[in-house]
Amino acid sequence: MTIHLKSEISRTLAGLGAFALCIASLSTGASAQDASSIKGTVNIVGFSGVFADNYQKFIINAFETKYPGIDVTYQPSKNSAETLALLTLQRADPKVDVALIDVAVAIKANKDGIFAKLDPAKVTALADMPDWARLDGDKSVAFSQDNLAILYNTDTVKTPPTSWKDLADPKYKGKIAAKLGDTRGVILIPILNRIAGADYKTSIEPAMEAMKAFAPNVSTWEPAPDCYAVVQSGEVDLSVCWNGRAQFLHDSQGGKIAVAAPKEGSIGQTNTVGLVEGSHNAEAAQLFINYALSADAQATFAEKSFYGPVNTKVKLSDAVATRIYGSKEAQAAQMSLDWSFVAEKYSAWIQRINREVIAFN
């Protein structure tokens, strides 16, 4: 009788186990089926120029291949402030589902209720993102970093600059392009402050004095069409601009542009992705965000476009890391910012740059 009871229990447990496996299989299959059966259009607004081209090529196209039922449209924006203005204007009836913007602007947008909290069950890649990248309860998530750097023309500059202090070298008088009335200027302030041994949270006077010192060397504060083209054409020798696009253009445009990563290090401009509150395509949009945050997508974008990845599972080769972050010395000196503090000071700092540096030079 005991043996018979054990046998019955064993058969029952085996049956329950098989049933559980069946349910798990169906559940997994359903999830996969659900993801593959999602259809619709995801409308994205984000950065322009080379970034937009590469994001389309390496992220969007790959996503559409994986999920053929979803179309993705990408609308380039002049800058993150313009994007925020668009999202605010459309607030009652959003036409945009996903926005890519600077972290300082994202923090403001989150305070204004522009972005919705991501669902970790749908955006499972959130588990692989560091805590600092998950902003305001996952309303915005950092997906890449692009370092501020000094670009130079390889024909006219035979000895590349090695320090931010080189911007004040008299040999570059009238030979620098520096669009500092935006995030570039905001990021340069803490860099110059640290070189002077000062804390940007206490005072930015050292940085302002450093900008005034190299201002006479600046021929244009509004390089047209952009800071890359004026270096490539030889209109200027140097430009203060972003590393990722310059590295890509170096490879694709015959090496006329090169990048000097100053030994004092730089700061990564953090780019974020957010789901617009009230999106009409939230399910497909979160599927896209999950893909964009995945280790595979971020590794590809880093290797092809030289933007620093954020997903903790991405491992870069030394060669790629050097092109993104500079030498080992520069990598060791890489700074991080308290972006919540910077977001509060953002407008005031730009006003000071415009008023005290640009207007007088």
Protein backbone atom coordinates (compact mmCIF):
# COMPACT_ATOMS: atom_id res chain seq x y z
CA MET A 1 0.00 0.00 0.00
CA THR A 2 2.81 2.38 0.91
CA ILE A 3 4.69 1.50 -2.23
CA HIS A 4 1.54 2.01 -4.27
CA LEU A 5 0.94 5.43 -2.64
CA LYS A 6 4.49 6.55 -3.38
CA SER A 7 4.06 5.40 -6.94
CA GLU A 8 0.83 7.40 -7.25
CA ILE A 9 2.49 10.46 -5.73
CA SER A 10 5.45 10.11 -8.11
CA ARG A 11 3.14 9.85 -11.10
CA THR A 12 1.12 12.83 -9.86
CA LEU A 13 4.22 14.95 -9.31
CA ALA A 14 5.56 13.93 -12.69
CA GLY A 15 2.30 14.96 -14.24
CA LEU A 16 2.30 18.27 -12.44
CA GLY A 17 5.91 18.84 -13.52
CA ALA A 18 5.06 18.14 -17.12
CA PHE A 19 2.04 20.44 -16.83
CA ALA A 20 4.21 23.19 -15.35
CA LEU A 21 6.76 22.77 -18.12
CA CYS A 22 3.97 22.93 -20.66
CA ILE A 23 2.58 26.12 -19.09
CA ALA A 24 6.08 27.66 -18.95
CA SER A 25 6.64 26.71 -22.56
CA LEU A 26 3.34 28.23 -23.58
CA SER A 27 4.08 31.34 -21.54
CA THR A 28 7.50 31.77 -23.13
CA GLY A 29 6.07 31.07 -26.54
CA ALA A 30 3.31 33.57 -25.92
CA SER A 31 5.80 36.24 -24.87
CA ALA A 32 7.89 35.65 -27.96
CA GLN A 33 4.78 35.56 -30.08
CA ASP A 34 3.46 38.73 -28.47
CA ALA A 35 6.71 40.59 -29.20
CA SER A 36 6.88 39.36 -32.77
CA SER A 37 3.20 40.09 -33.38
CA ILE A 38 3.34 43.70 -32.18
CA LYS A 39 2.64 46.02 -35.06
CA GLY A 40 2.55 49.76 -35.55
CA THR A 41 4.77 52.78 -36.06
CA VAL A 42 7.25 54.23 -33.59
CA ASN A 43 7.96 57.92 -34.13
CA ILE A 44 11.31 59.06 -32.77
CA VAL A 45 12.76 62.56 -32.49
CA GLY A 46 16.45 62.90 -31.76
CA PHE A 47 19.86 64.23 -32.64
CA SER A 48 20.67 65.27 -36.19
CA GLY A 49 23.58 64.90 -38.62
CA VAL A 50 25.93 61.92 -38.52
CA PHE A 51 24.30 60.66 -35.33
CA ALA A 52 20.93 60.41 -37.08
CA ASP A 53 22.47 58.62 -40.07
CA ASN A 54 24.25 56.07 -37.91
CA TYR A 55 21.34 55.55 -35.54
CA GLN A 56 19.17 54.76 -38.55
CA LYS A 57 21.75 52.42 -40.02
CA PHE A 58 22.90 50.53 -36.93
CA ILE A 59 19.93 50.64 -34.56
CA ILE A 60 16.67 51.35 -36.37
CA ASN A 61 17.31 49.20 -39.45
CA ALA A 62 18.40 46.26 -37.30
CA PHE A 63 15.31 46.64 -35.10
CA GLU A 64 12.97 46.72 -38.11
CA THR A 65 14.61 43.56 -39.45
CA LYS A 66 14.03 41.82 -36.13
CA TYR A 67 10.46 43.14 -35.80
CA PRO A 68 9.11 43.47 -39.36
CA GLY A 69 5.65 44.43 -38.13
CA ILE A 70 6.95 47.72 -36.72
CA ASP A 71 7.97 50.76 -38.75
CA VAL A 72 10.24 53.36 -37.17
CA THR A 73 10.39 56.97 -38.32
CA TYR A 74 13.19 59.27 -37.20
CA GLN A 75 12.83 63.05 -37.09
CA PRO A 76 16.11 64.95 -36.57
CA SER A 77 16.02 67.88 -34.18
CA LYS A 78 18.35 70.88 -34.05
CA ASN A 79 19.05 70.33 -30.35
CA SER A 80 17.49 68.96 -27.18
CA ALA A 81 15.90 72.28 -26.24
CA GLU A 82 14.05 72.26 -29.57
CA THR A 83 12.95 68.68 -28.91
CA LEU A 84 11.60 69.60 -25.49
CA ALA A 85 9.69 72.53 -26.98
CA LEU A 86 8.13 70.18 -29.56
CA LEU A 87 7.12 67.63 -26.93
CA THR A 88 5.63 70.36 -24.75
CA LEU A 89 3.64 71.70 -27.70
CA GLN A 90 2.25 68.23 -28.49
CA ARG A 91 1.52 67.37 -24.89
CA ALA A 92 -2.26 67.06 -25.29
CA ASP A 93 -1.94 64.77 -28.33
CA PRO A 94 1.63 63.43 -28.78
CA LYS A 95 2.83 62.67 -32.29
CA VAL A 96 6.21 61.53 -30.96
CA ASP A 97 6.60 58.23 -29.11
CA VAL A 98 10.30 58.20 -28.22
CA ALA A 99 12.71 61.08 -27.69
CA LEU A 100 16.52 61.11 -27.56
CA ILE A 101 17.78 64.14 -25.64
CA ASP A 102 20.65 65.44 -23.49
CA VAL A 103 20.50 64.34 -19.87
CA ALA A 104 20.22 67.88 -18.45
CA VAL A 105 17.17 68.55 -20.65
CA ALA A 106 15.76 65.10 -19.81
CA ILE A 107 15.82 65.94 -16.10
CA LYS A 108 13.80 69.08 -16.78
CA ALA A 109 11.40 67.16 -19.02
CA ASN A 110 10.85 64.58 -16.29
CA LYS A 111 9.98 67.31 -13.81
CA ASP A 112 7.47 68.62 -16.34
CA GLY A 113 5.86 65.20 -16.76
CA ILE A 114 6.88 64.82 -20.41
CA PHE A 115 8.03 61.19 -20.13
CA ALA A 116 6.28 58.07 -18.84
CA LYS A 117 7.79 55.50 -16.51
CA LEU A 118 9.13 52.51 -18.43
CA ASP A 119 7.77 49.07 -17.58
CA PRO A 120 10.70 46.84 -16.47
CA ALA A 121 8.73 43.77 -17.55
CA LYS A 122 8.75 45.09 -21.12
CA VAL A 123 12.08 46.93 -21.06
CA THR A 124 14.05 44.07 -19.52
CA ALA A 125 17.37 45.68 -20.52
CA LEU A 126 16.86 48.08 -17.62
CA ALA A 127 18.29 45.35 -15.38
CA ASP A 128 21.64 45.74 -17.17
CA MET A 129 21.80 49.52 -16.80
CA PRO A 130 23.72 51.11 -13.90
CA ASP A 131 21.72 52.94 -11.26
CA TRP A 132 22.97 56.37 -12.36
CA ALA A 133 21.58 55.76 -15.87
CA ARG A 134 18.01 55.15 -14.65
CA LEU A 135 16.67 58.64 -14.08
CA ASP A 136 13.60 59.65 -12.10
CA GLY A 137 12.15 56.19 -11.66
CA ASP A 138 13.00 55.04 -15.21
CA LYS A 139 11.31 57.97 -16.94
CA SER A 140 14.57 58.57 -18.84
CA VAL A 141 17.46 56.18 -19.33
CA ALA A 142 21.00 57.01 -20.42
CA PHE A 143 21.97 55.05 -23.52
CA SER A 144 25.26 56.57 -24.70
CA GLN A 145 27.99 59.07 -23.92
CA ASP A 146 29.87 61.33 -26.30
CA ASN A 147 32.98 63.05 -25.00
CA LEU A 148 33.79 66.70 -25.54
CA ALA A 149 37.08 66.91 -27.42
CA ILE A 150 39.32 69.12 -29.53
CA LEU A 151 39.02 68.45 -33.26
CA TYR A 152 41.85 69.44 -35.58
CA ASN A 153 42.66 69.60 -39.27
CA THR A 154 45.37 67.05 -40.09
CA ASP A 155 46.73 69.16 -42.97
CA THR A 156 47.26 72.36 -41.01
CA VAL A 157 48.02 71.02 -37.54
CA LYS A 158 51.10 68.83 -37.52
CA THR A 159 51.53 68.79 -33.74
CA PRO A 160 48.11 68.09 -32.23
CA PRO A 161 47.10 69.81 -28.99
CA THR A 162 47.44 67.70 -25.85
CA SER A 163 45.74 69.94 -23.30
CA TRP A 164 42.66 72.12 -22.95
CA LYS A 165 45.13 74.89 -22.11
CA ASP A 166 46.38 74.74 -25.72
CA LEU A 167 43.21 76.53 -26.83
CA ALA A 168 44.82 79.75 -25.52
CA ASP A 169 48.04 79.26 -27.52
CA PRO A 170 48.61 82.44 -29.63
CA LYS A 171 49.46 80.31 -32.69
CA TYR A 172 45.76 79.51 -32.97
CA LYS A 173 44.63 83.13 -33.09
CA GLY A 174 41.61 83.31 -35.42
CA LYS A 175 41.88 79.56 -36.04
CA ILE A 176 39.35 78.09 -33.61
CA ALA A 177 35.62 77.38 -33.93
CA ALA A 178 33.80 77.03 -30.63
CA LYS A 179 30.01 76.79 -30.36
CA LEU A 180 29.82 77.18 -26.59
CA GLY A 181 26.32 78.61 -26.20
CA ASP A 182 24.91 75.13 -25.60
CA THR A 183 25.77 71.86 -23.86
CA ARG A 184 29.36 72.08 -25.11
CA GLY A 185 29.93 75.19 -23.06
CA VAL A 186 28.10 73.76 -20.05
CA ILE A 187 30.38 70.70 -20.07
CA LEU A 188 33.54 72.71 -20.68
CA ILE A 189 32.96 74.76 -17.50
CA PRO A 190 33.58 71.87 -15.03
CA ILE A 191 36.58 70.70 -17.11
CA LEU A 192 38.26 74.11 -17.00
CA ASN A 193 37.32 74.52 -13.36
CA ARG A 194 39.01 71.28 -12.38
CA ILE A 195 42.18 72.23 -14.25
CA ALA A 196 42.22 75.36 -12.07
CA GLY A 197 41.65 73.25 -8.95
CA ALA A 198 38.13 74.55 -8.37
CA ASP A 199 34.77 72.88 -7.69
CA TYR A 200 32.08 73.75 -10.25
CA LYS A 201 29.44 73.51 -7.54
CA THR A 202 31.10 76.30 -5.58
CA SER A 203 32.14 78.77 -8.28
CA ILE A 204 32.62 78.80 -12.05
CA GLU A 205 34.80 81.94 -12.11
CA PRO A 206 38.02 80.01 -12.98
CA ALA A 207 36.31 78.45 -16.01
CA MET A 208 34.93 81.79 -17.17
CA GLU A 209 38.41 83.33 -16.96
CA ALA A 210 39.87 80.42 -18.94
CA MET A 211 37.24 80.89 -21.66
CA LYS A 212 38.01 84.60 -21.83
CA ALA A 213 41.70 83.73 -22.20
CA PHE A 214 41.19 81.66 -25.36
CA ALA A 215 38.29 83.72 -26.74
CA PRO A 216 40.58 85.94 -28.92
CA ASN A 217 41.63 82.78 -30.79
CA VAL A 218 38.01 82.00 -31.76
CA SER A 219 37.06 83.08 -35.27
CA THR A 220 33.45 81.87 -35.03
CA TRP A 221 31.08 80.97 -32.21
CA GLU A 222 28.53 79.72 -34.76
CA PRO A 223 30.38 77.41 -37.16
CA ALA A 224 28.34 76.79 -40.29
CA PRO A 225 27.14 74.33 -41.30
CA ASP A 226 28.72 72.71 -38.22
CA CYS A 227 31.91 72.36 -36.20
CA TYR A 228 33.05 69.34 -38.22
CA ALA A 229 32.74 70.86 -41.69
CA VAL A 230 34.76 74.00 -40.85
CA VAL A 231 37.64 71.84 -39.60
CA GLN A 232 37.49 69.51 -42.58
CA SER A 233 37.46 72.43 -45.05
CA GLY A 234 40.43 74.10 -43.38
CA GLU A 235 38.50 77.23 -42.40
CA VAL A 236 39.80 76.68 -38.87
CA ASP A 237 42.55 74.57 -37.35
CA LEU A 238 40.68 73.52 -34.21
CA SER A 239 37.14 73.12 -32.95
CA VAL A 240 35.65 72.26 -29.58
CA CYS A 241 33.11 69.60 -30.41
CA TRP A 242 32.00 65.99 -29.96
CA ASN A 243 34.29 63.00 -30.31
CA GLY A 244 31.95 60.35 -31.74
CA ARG A 245 30.97 62.12 -34.94
CA ALA A 246 34.53 63.33 -35.49
CA GLN A 247 35.92 59.79 -35.17
CA PHE A 248 33.36 58.53 -37.68
CA LEU A 249 34.10 61.40 -40.10
CA HIS A 250 37.82 60.76 -39.76
CA ASP A 251 37.25 57.26 -41.13
CA SER A 252 34.66 58.15 -43.74
CA GLN A 253 36.00 61.48 -45.07
CA GLY A 254 39.63 60.76 -45.83
CA GLY A 255 41.16 61.55 -42.45
CA LYS A 256 41.00 65.35 -42.73
CA ILE A 257 39.51 65.53 -39.22
CA ALA A 258 41.27 64.03 -36.22
CA VAL A 259 40.58 64.15 -32.51
CA ALA A 260 42.81 65.25 -29.66
CA ALA A 261 41.62 63.88 -26.31
CA PRO A 262 43.30 66.24 -23.80
CA LYS A 263 45.36 64.63 -21.06
CA GLU A 264 43.27 66.33 -18.35
CA GLY A 265 40.34 64.18 -19.45
CA SER A 266 36.87 65.10 -20.56
CA ILE A 267 33.24 64.64 -19.61
CA GLY A 268 30.79 62.40 -21.39
CA GLN A 269 27.72 64.18 -22.69
CA THR A 270 25.08 61.70 -21.63
CA ASN A 271 22.31 60.96 -24.14
CA THR A 272 19.00 59.63 -22.85
CA VAL A 273 15.97 57.87 -24.27
CA GLY A 274 12.43 58.36 -22.99
CA LEU A 275 8.90 57.15 -23.71
CA VAL A 276 6.61 60.12 -24.26
CA GLU A 277 3.70 60.30 -21.82
CA GLY A 278 0.47 59.57 -23.68
CA SER A 279 2.22 57.81 -26.58
CA HIS A 280 -0.29 56.17 -28.93
CA ASN A 281 2.24 53.41 -29.68
CA ALA A 282 3.60 52.71 -26.21
CA GLU A 283 3.84 48.93 -26.61
CA ALA A 284 5.93 49.08 -29.79
CA ALA A 285 7.88 52.06 -28.44
CA GLN A 286 8.95 50.17 -25.31
CA LEU A 287 9.96 47.22 -27.45
CA PHE A 288 12.18 49.58 -29.44
CA ILE A 289 13.67 51.15 -26.30
CA ASN A 290 14.43 47.67 -24.95
CA TYR A 291 16.28 46.84 -28.15
CA ALA A 292 18.18 50.15 -28.17
CA LEU A 293 19.35 49.57 -24.59
CA SER A 294 20.42 45.97 -25.22
CA ALA A 295 24.08 44.99 -25.01
CA ASP A 296 24.17 43.95 -28.68
CA ALA A 297 22.75 47.24 -29.95
CA GLN A 298 24.95 49.35 -27.71
CA ALA A 299 28.09 47.40 -28.59
CA THR A 300 27.38 47.84 -32.30
CA PHE A 301 26.77 51.57 -31.94
CA ALA A 302 29.97 51.97 -29.92
CA GLU A 303 32.09 50.07 -32.42
CA LYS A 304 30.60 51.75 -35.50
CA SER A 305 29.90 55.27 -34.22
CA PHE A 306 32.32 55.67 -31.27
CA TYR A 307 29.71 56.55 -28.66
CA GLY A 308 30.40 55.23 -25.18
CA PRO A 309 27.94 52.46 -24.22
CA VAL A 310 26.04 52.45 -20.92
CA ASN A 311 24.82 48.83 -20.71
CA THR A 312 27.07 47.13 -18.14
CA LYS A 313 27.35 43.96 -20.23
CA VAL A 314 29.15 45.71 -23.09
CA LYS A 315 32.90 45.07 -23.17
CA LEU A 316 34.93 47.25 -25.50
CA SER A 317 38.26 46.35 -27.06
CA ASP A 318 41.19 48.57 -26.06
CA ALA A 319 41.31 49.98 -29.60
CA VAL A 320 37.66 51.08 -29.53
CA ALA A 321 37.89 52.35 -25.94
CA THR A 322 40.89 54.51 -26.86
CA ARG A 323 39.00 56.12 -29.73
CA ILE A 324 35.99 56.80 -27.52
CA TYR A 325 37.71 57.91 -24.30
CA GLY A 326 41.27 58.78 -25.33
CA SER A 327 44.55 57.54 -23.89
CA LYS A 328 44.80 55.58 -20.64
CA GLU A 329 45.82 58.86 -19.00
CA ALA A 330 42.76 60.63 -20.36
CA GLN A 331 40.52 57.70 -19.41
CA ALA A 332 41.79 57.81 -15.83
CA ALA A 333 41.05 61.55 -15.71
CA GLN A 334 37.52 61.18 -17.11
CA MET A 335 35.06 63.23 -15.06
CA SER A 336 31.46 62.62 -14.10
CA LEU A 337 28.93 65.31 -13.24
CA ASP A 338 26.07 65.75 -10.84
CA TRP A 339 23.59 66.20 -13.66
CA SER A 340 20.73 67.21 -11.39
CA PHE A 341 22.86 70.13 -10.17
CA VAL A 342 23.99 70.97 -13.71
CA ALA A 343 20.40 70.85 -14.99
CA GLU A 344 19.48 73.59 -12.52
CA LYS A 345 22.45 75.74 -13.57
CA TYR A 346 22.27 74.98 -17.30
CA SER A 347 20.46 78.13 -18.50
CA ALA A 348 22.33 80.46 -16.15
CA TRP A 349 25.71 79.12 -17.27
CA ILE A 350 24.85 79.52 -20.94
CA GLN A 351 23.68 83.07 -20.28
CA ARG A 352 27.02 83.88 -18.68
CA ILE A 353 28.95 82.38 -21.60
CA ASN A 354 26.88 84.37 -24.10
CA ARG A 355 27.12 87.59 -22.13
CA GLU A 356 30.68 87.49 -20.79
CA VAL A 357 32.62 85.51 -23.40
CA ILE A 358 30.88 85.45 -26.77
CA ALA A 359 29.40 88.98 -26.75
CA PHE A 360 32.77 90.58 -26.01
CA ASN A 361 34.80 88.64 -28.58
